[in-house]
Amino acid sequence: MIERRKLRRRRLRYYLDVFDARTGRPFGRLGDISTAGLLLLTGEPVPPNRDHELEVRWQTDEDEPTRLRFRARSCWCRRDLNPDYYAAGFSIQNLDAANAARLSLLIGQLAFDEVA
């Protein structure tokens, strides 16, 4: 697969749950992220080229819970190394200033290294 990312994604200290923002139902777990895209681990395949309204929720010890809500377009999907899951790549679409700040906060608080 040809690498098309302009920004390197960052791994997180732990997997965060990602929800369908419209229904509130679990969508997957966040594997890695950048300000332009993310990798989700899901239980079902995700068709490419579809827009999804997603929400990530997290809390650090001293902070109030933070919610990041955004639109993401599915780009690809394949079986994960663990055959019980699928790995799906998404590009983040039209992030507003408030959510861009929340995304930078998430990466600053929870990221620990770049994905090779």
N, C-alpha and C. Protein backbone atom coordinates (compact mmCIF):
# COMPACT_ATOMS: atom_id res chain seq x y z
N MET A 1 0.84 -1.18 0.00
CA MET A 1 0.00 0.00 0.00
C MET A 1 0.89 1.24 0.00
N ILE A 2 0.59 2.17 -0.86
CA ILE A 2 1.37 3.41 -0.97
C ILE A 2 1.03 4.32 0.21
N GLU A 3 2.05 4.83 0.84
CA GLU A 3 1.87 5.76 1.96
C GLU A 3 1.50 7.13 1.43
N ARG A 4 0.32 7.64 1.83
CA ARG A 4 -0.16 8.94 1.35
C ARG A 4 -0.26 9.97 2.46
N ARG A 5 0.04 9.57 3.67
CA ARG A 5 -0.10 10.51 4.79
C ARG A 5 0.92 11.62 4.70
N LYS A 6 0.46 12.83 5.03
CA LYS A 6 1.36 13.97 5.07
C LYS A 6 1.94 14.17 6.47
N LEU A 7 1.18 13.72 7.47
CA LEU A 7 1.61 13.83 8.87
C LEU A 7 1.74 12.44 9.47
N ARG A 8 2.75 12.25 10.30
CA ARG A 8 2.92 10.97 10.99
C ARG A 8 1.88 10.84 12.09
N ARG A 9 1.28 9.67 12.19
CA ARG A 9 0.34 9.43 13.28
C ARG A 9 1.10 9.08 14.54
N ARG A 10 0.44 9.33 15.67
CA ARG A 10 1.04 9.08 16.99
C ARG A 10 0.26 7.99 17.71
N ARG A 11 0.98 7.07 18.33
CA ARG A 11 0.35 6.06 19.17
C ARG A 11 -0.06 6.71 20.49
N LEU A 12 -1.08 6.14 21.10
CA LEU A 12 -1.56 6.65 22.38
C LEU A 12 -1.17 5.70 23.51
N ARG A 13 -1.16 6.22 24.72
CA ARG A 13 -0.80 5.42 25.89
C ARG A 13 -1.77 4.26 26.11
N TYR A 14 -3.02 4.44 25.71
CA TYR A 14 -4.01 3.37 25.80
C TYR A 14 -5.07 3.61 24.73
N TYR A 15 -5.79 2.55 24.40
CA TYR A 15 -6.85 2.68 23.39
C TYR A 15 -8.02 3.45 23.98
N LEU A 16 -8.49 4.43 23.24
CA LEU A 16 -9.67 5.19 23.64
C LEU A 16 -10.87 4.69 22.84
N ASP A 17 -12.02 4.62 23.51
CA ASP A 17 -13.24 4.26 22.81
C ASP A 17 -13.67 5.41 21.91
N VAL A 18 -14.15 5.06 20.74
CA VAL A 18 -14.68 6.03 19.78
C VAL A 18 -16.14 5.67 19.55
N PHE A 19 -16.99 6.69 19.55
CA PHE A 19 -18.43 6.48 19.46
C PHE A 19 -18.98 7.11 18.18
N ASP A 20 -20.08 6.55 17.69
CA ASP A 20 -20.85 7.19 16.64
C ASP A 20 -21.53 8.38 17.30
N ALA A 21 -21.21 9.59 16.88
CA ALA A 21 -21.71 10.79 17.54
C ALA A 21 -23.22 10.96 17.38
N ARG A 22 -23.77 10.38 16.35
CA ARG A 22 -25.22 10.51 16.12
C ARG A 22 -26.04 9.58 17.03
N THR A 23 -25.52 8.36 17.25
CA THR A 23 -26.29 7.37 18.03
C THR A 23 -25.76 7.18 19.44
N GLY A 24 -24.49 7.56 19.67
CA GLY A 24 -23.87 7.31 20.96
C GLY A 24 -23.36 5.90 21.12
N ARG A 25 -23.51 5.07 20.11
CA ARG A 25 -23.07 3.67 20.18
C ARG A 25 -21.57 3.56 19.92
N PRO A 26 -20.93 2.57 20.53
CA PRO A 26 -19.50 2.35 20.28
C PRO A 26 -19.24 2.09 18.79
N PHE A 27 -18.16 2.69 18.28
CA PHE A 27 -17.79 2.53 16.87
C PHE A 27 -16.50 1.73 16.74
N GLY A 28 -15.57 1.94 17.67
CA GLY A 28 -14.29 1.25 17.64
C GLY A 28 -13.37 1.79 18.71
N ARG A 29 -12.10 1.46 18.57
CA ARG A 29 -11.08 1.96 19.50
C ARG A 29 -9.99 2.66 18.71
N LEU A 30 -9.54 3.77 19.27
CA LEU A 30 -8.53 4.59 18.60
C LEU A 30 -7.16 3.93 18.72
N GLY A 31 -6.56 3.59 17.58
CA GLY A 31 -5.24 2.97 17.57
C GLY A 31 -4.13 3.98 17.51
N ASP A 32 -4.23 4.93 16.57
CA ASP A 32 -3.27 6.03 16.49
C ASP A 32 -3.94 7.22 15.82
N ILE A 33 -3.28 8.38 15.91
CA ILE A 33 -3.95 9.60 15.46
C ILE A 33 -2.93 10.67 15.07
N SER A 34 -3.33 11.55 14.18
CA SER A 34 -2.62 12.79 13.87
C SER A 34 -3.69 13.87 13.75
N THR A 35 -3.27 15.07 13.45
CA THR A 35 -4.27 16.14 13.26
C THR A 35 -5.01 16.00 11.93
N ALA A 36 -4.59 15.05 11.09
CA ALA A 36 -5.23 14.86 9.78
C ALA A 36 -5.96 13.54 9.64
N GLY A 37 -5.66 12.55 10.52
CA GLY A 37 -6.29 11.25 10.34
C GLY A 37 -6.12 10.36 11.55
N LEU A 38 -6.73 9.17 11.47
CA LEU A 38 -6.66 8.23 12.58
C LEU A 38 -6.84 6.81 12.10
N LEU A 39 -6.44 5.89 12.96
CA LEU A 39 -6.64 4.47 12.74
C LEU A 39 -7.58 3.97 13.83
N LEU A 40 -8.65 3.29 13.42
CA LEU A 40 -9.58 2.70 14.37
C LEU A 40 -9.52 1.19 14.26
N LEU A 41 -9.65 0.53 15.39
CA LEU A 41 -9.82 -0.91 15.45
C LEU A 41 -11.31 -1.16 15.70
N THR A 42 -11.92 -1.93 14.82
CA THR A 42 -13.37 -2.15 14.88
C THR A 42 -13.68 -3.64 14.84
N GLY A 43 -14.88 -3.98 15.27
CA GLY A 43 -15.32 -5.37 15.23
C GLY A 43 -15.92 -5.76 13.90
N GLU A 44 -16.28 -4.79 13.10
CA GLU A 44 -16.90 -5.01 11.79
C GLU A 44 -16.13 -4.24 10.72
N PRO A 45 -16.12 -4.71 9.48
CA PRO A 45 -15.46 -3.95 8.41
C PRO A 45 -16.14 -2.59 8.20
N VAL A 46 -15.35 -1.60 7.81
CA VAL A 46 -15.84 -0.25 7.55
C VAL A 46 -15.69 0.02 6.05
N PRO A 47 -16.80 0.22 5.32
CA PRO A 47 -16.69 0.50 3.89
C PRO A 47 -15.93 1.80 3.64
N PRO A 48 -15.09 1.85 2.60
CA PRO A 48 -14.34 3.07 2.30
C PRO A 48 -15.22 4.17 1.72
N ASN A 49 -14.69 5.38 1.79
CA ASN A 49 -15.31 6.57 1.18
C ASN A 49 -16.68 6.92 1.75
N ARG A 50 -16.83 6.73 3.05
CA ARG A 50 -18.06 7.14 3.73
C ARG A 50 -17.71 8.08 4.87
N ASP A 51 -18.55 9.09 5.06
CA ASP A 51 -18.35 10.03 6.16
C ASP A 51 -19.04 9.52 7.42
N HIS A 52 -18.38 9.73 8.55
CA HIS A 52 -18.90 9.31 9.85
C HIS A 52 -18.74 10.46 10.83
N GLU A 53 -19.74 10.68 11.66
CA GLU A 53 -19.65 11.63 12.76
C GLU A 53 -19.17 10.84 13.97
N LEU A 54 -17.98 11.17 14.47
CA LEU A 54 -17.37 10.40 15.54
C LEU A 54 -17.13 11.27 16.77
N GLU A 55 -17.01 10.60 17.91
CA GLU A 55 -16.72 11.30 19.16
C GLU A 55 -15.76 10.46 19.98
N VAL A 56 -14.72 11.13 20.50
CA VAL A 56 -13.75 10.51 21.41
C VAL A 56 -13.92 11.19 22.76
N ARG A 57 -13.92 10.39 23.82
CA ARG A 57 -14.04 10.94 25.17
C ARG A 57 -12.86 10.46 25.99
N TRP A 58 -12.26 11.38 26.74
CA TRP A 58 -11.16 10.98 27.61
C TRP A 58 -11.08 11.92 28.80
N GLN A 59 -10.35 11.46 29.81
CA GLN A 59 -10.18 12.26 31.02
C GLN A 59 -8.82 11.94 31.61
N THR A 60 -8.09 12.97 31.98
CA THR A 60 -6.86 12.77 32.74
C THR A 60 -7.21 12.91 34.21
N ASP A 61 -6.32 12.55 35.07
CA ASP A 61 -6.60 12.52 36.51
C ASP A 61 -7.13 13.83 37.05
N GLU A 62 -6.56 14.93 36.60
CA GLU A 62 -6.91 16.23 37.19
C GLU A 62 -7.93 17.02 36.39
N ASP A 63 -8.34 16.53 35.23
CA ASP A 63 -9.21 17.31 34.35
C ASP A 63 -10.64 16.79 34.34
N GLU A 64 -11.52 17.66 33.91
CA GLU A 64 -12.90 17.26 33.61
C GLU A 64 -12.87 16.41 32.33
N PRO A 65 -13.86 15.57 32.12
CA PRO A 65 -13.91 14.80 30.87
C PRO A 65 -13.90 15.73 29.65
N THR A 66 -13.19 15.32 28.61
CA THR A 66 -13.11 16.08 27.37
C THR A 66 -13.73 15.27 26.26
N ARG A 67 -14.47 15.94 25.39
CA ARG A 67 -15.10 15.29 24.24
C ARG A 67 -14.61 15.96 22.97
N LEU A 68 -14.20 15.15 22.03
CA LEU A 68 -13.77 15.61 20.72
C LEU A 68 -14.75 15.03 19.71
N ARG A 69 -15.46 15.91 19.02
CA ARG A 69 -16.45 15.47 18.03
C ARG A 69 -16.01 15.97 16.66
N PHE A 70 -16.05 15.07 15.66
CA PHE A 70 -15.55 15.43 14.34
C PHE A 70 -16.12 14.50 13.27
N ARG A 71 -16.01 14.96 12.03
CA ARG A 71 -16.37 14.13 10.88
C ARG A 71 -15.09 13.51 10.34
N ALA A 72 -15.19 12.21 10.01
CA ALA A 72 -14.05 11.51 9.44
C ALA A 72 -14.52 10.66 8.26
N ARG A 73 -13.71 10.62 7.22
CA ARG A 73 -14.03 9.82 6.03
C ARG A 73 -13.19 8.54 6.06
N SER A 74 -13.86 7.41 5.93
CA SER A 74 -13.14 6.14 5.88
C SER A 74 -12.37 6.05 4.56
N CYS A 75 -11.11 5.65 4.66
CA CYS A 75 -10.24 5.58 3.48
C CYS A 75 -9.93 4.14 3.07
N TRP A 76 -9.75 3.27 4.05
CA TRP A 76 -9.43 1.87 3.79
C TRP A 76 -9.79 1.04 5.02
N CYS A 77 -9.87 -0.26 4.82
CA CYS A 77 -10.15 -1.18 5.92
C CYS A 77 -9.57 -2.54 5.57
N ARG A 78 -8.97 -3.20 6.54
CA ARG A 78 -8.45 -4.56 6.35
C ARG A 78 -8.43 -5.27 7.70
N ARG A 79 -8.32 -6.58 7.65
CA ARG A 79 -8.22 -7.35 8.89
C ARG A 79 -6.98 -6.91 9.66
N ASP A 80 -7.14 -6.82 10.97
CA ASP A 80 -6.02 -6.49 11.84
C ASP A 80 -5.16 -7.73 12.03
N LEU A 81 -4.00 -7.57 12.67
CA LEU A 81 -3.18 -8.73 13.01
C LEU A 81 -3.96 -9.69 13.90
N ASN A 82 -4.79 -9.15 14.78
CA ASN A 82 -5.72 -9.94 15.56
C ASN A 82 -6.94 -10.16 14.68
N PRO A 83 -7.21 -11.39 14.24
CA PRO A 83 -8.28 -11.62 13.27
C PRO A 83 -9.69 -11.33 13.79
N ASP A 84 -9.82 -11.01 15.07
CA ASP A 84 -11.13 -10.64 15.62
C ASP A 84 -11.48 -9.19 15.31
N TYR A 85 -10.52 -8.42 14.77
CA TYR A 85 -10.71 -7.00 14.55
C TYR A 85 -10.35 -6.59 13.12
N TYR A 86 -10.82 -5.42 12.76
CA TYR A 86 -10.44 -4.77 11.52
C TYR A 86 -9.72 -3.48 11.86
N ALA A 87 -8.73 -3.12 11.04
CA ALA A 87 -8.05 -1.84 11.16
C ALA A 87 -8.58 -0.97 10.02
N ALA A 88 -9.02 0.24 10.37
CA ALA A 88 -9.61 1.13 9.37
C ALA A 88 -8.96 2.51 9.47
N GLY A 89 -8.54 3.04 8.34
CA GLY A 89 -7.93 4.37 8.28
C GLY A 89 -8.96 5.42 7.90
N PHE A 90 -8.90 6.57 8.57
CA PHE A 90 -9.83 7.66 8.34
C PHE A 90 -9.08 8.96 8.15
N SER A 91 -9.62 9.85 7.33
CA SER A 91 -9.10 11.21 7.25
C SER A 91 -10.11 12.11 7.98
N ILE A 92 -9.59 13.05 8.75
CA ILE A 92 -10.44 13.98 9.49
C ILE A 92 -10.87 15.09 8.55
N GLN A 93 -12.16 15.42 8.56
CA GLN A 93 -12.75 16.38 7.64
C GLN A 93 -13.19 17.64 8.37
N ASN A 94 -12.84 18.80 7.85
CA ASN A 94 -13.40 20.09 8.28
C ASN A 94 -13.46 20.27 9.80
N LEU A 95 -12.35 20.12 10.46
CA LEU A 95 -12.30 20.27 11.91
C LEU A 95 -12.37 21.74 12.29
N ASP A 96 -13.33 22.11 13.14
CA ASP A 96 -13.43 23.51 13.56
C ASP A 96 -12.35 23.84 14.58
N ALA A 97 -12.18 25.11 14.89
CA ALA A 97 -11.08 25.56 15.75
C ALA A 97 -11.15 24.96 17.15
N ALA A 98 -12.34 24.88 17.73
CA ALA A 98 -12.47 24.34 19.09
C ALA A 98 -12.09 22.86 19.13
N ASN A 99 -12.54 22.10 18.15
CA ASN A 99 -12.19 20.67 18.13
C ASN A 99 -10.75 20.44 17.70
N ALA A 100 -10.19 21.32 16.88
CA ALA A 100 -8.77 21.23 16.55
C ALA A 100 -7.93 21.41 17.82
N ALA A 101 -8.34 22.33 18.69
CA ALA A 101 -7.63 22.53 19.96
C ALA A 101 -7.77 21.29 20.84
N ARG A 102 -8.95 20.67 20.87
CA ARG A 102 -9.16 19.45 21.66
C ARG A 102 -8.31 18.30 21.11
N LEU A 103 -8.21 18.22 19.78
CA LEU A 103 -7.39 17.17 19.17
C LEU A 103 -5.93 17.36 19.54
N SER A 104 -5.43 18.59 19.48
CA SER A 104 -4.05 18.86 19.87
C SER A 104 -3.83 18.53 21.34
N LEU A 105 -4.82 18.82 22.17
CA LEU A 105 -4.75 18.48 23.59
C LEU A 105 -4.67 16.97 23.79
N LEU A 106 -5.51 16.22 23.08
CA LEU A 106 -5.49 14.77 23.17
C LEU A 106 -4.11 14.23 22.81
N ILE A 107 -3.57 14.68 21.69
CA ILE A 107 -2.26 14.21 21.25
C ILE A 107 -1.20 14.59 22.28
N GLY A 108 -1.26 15.82 22.80
CA GLY A 108 -0.28 16.26 23.79
C GLY A 108 -0.35 15.49 25.09
N GLN A 109 -1.55 15.14 25.52
CA GLN A 109 -1.72 14.44 26.79
C GLN A 109 -1.48 12.95 26.70
N LEU A 110 -1.85 12.33 25.58
CA LEU A 110 -1.89 10.87 25.54
C LEU A 110 -0.96 10.19 24.54
N ALA A 111 -0.35 10.94 23.62
CA ALA A 111 0.52 10.31 22.62
C ALA A 111 1.90 10.09 23.21
N PHE A 112 2.54 8.99 22.74
CA PHE A 112 3.88 8.73 23.23
C PHE A 112 4.93 8.48 22.16
N ASP A 113 4.55 8.08 20.97
CA ASP A 113 5.55 7.95 19.91
C ASP A 113 4.89 7.96 18.55
N GLU A 114 5.70 8.06 17.52
CA GLU A 114 5.20 8.07 16.15
C GLU A 114 5.07 6.66 15.63
N VAL A 115 4.11 6.45 14.75
CA VAL A 115 3.93 5.17 14.08
C VAL A 115 4.95 5.11 12.95
N ALA A 116 5.62 3.99 12.85
CA ALA A 116 6.64 3.83 11.80
C ALA A 116 6.03 3.73 10.43
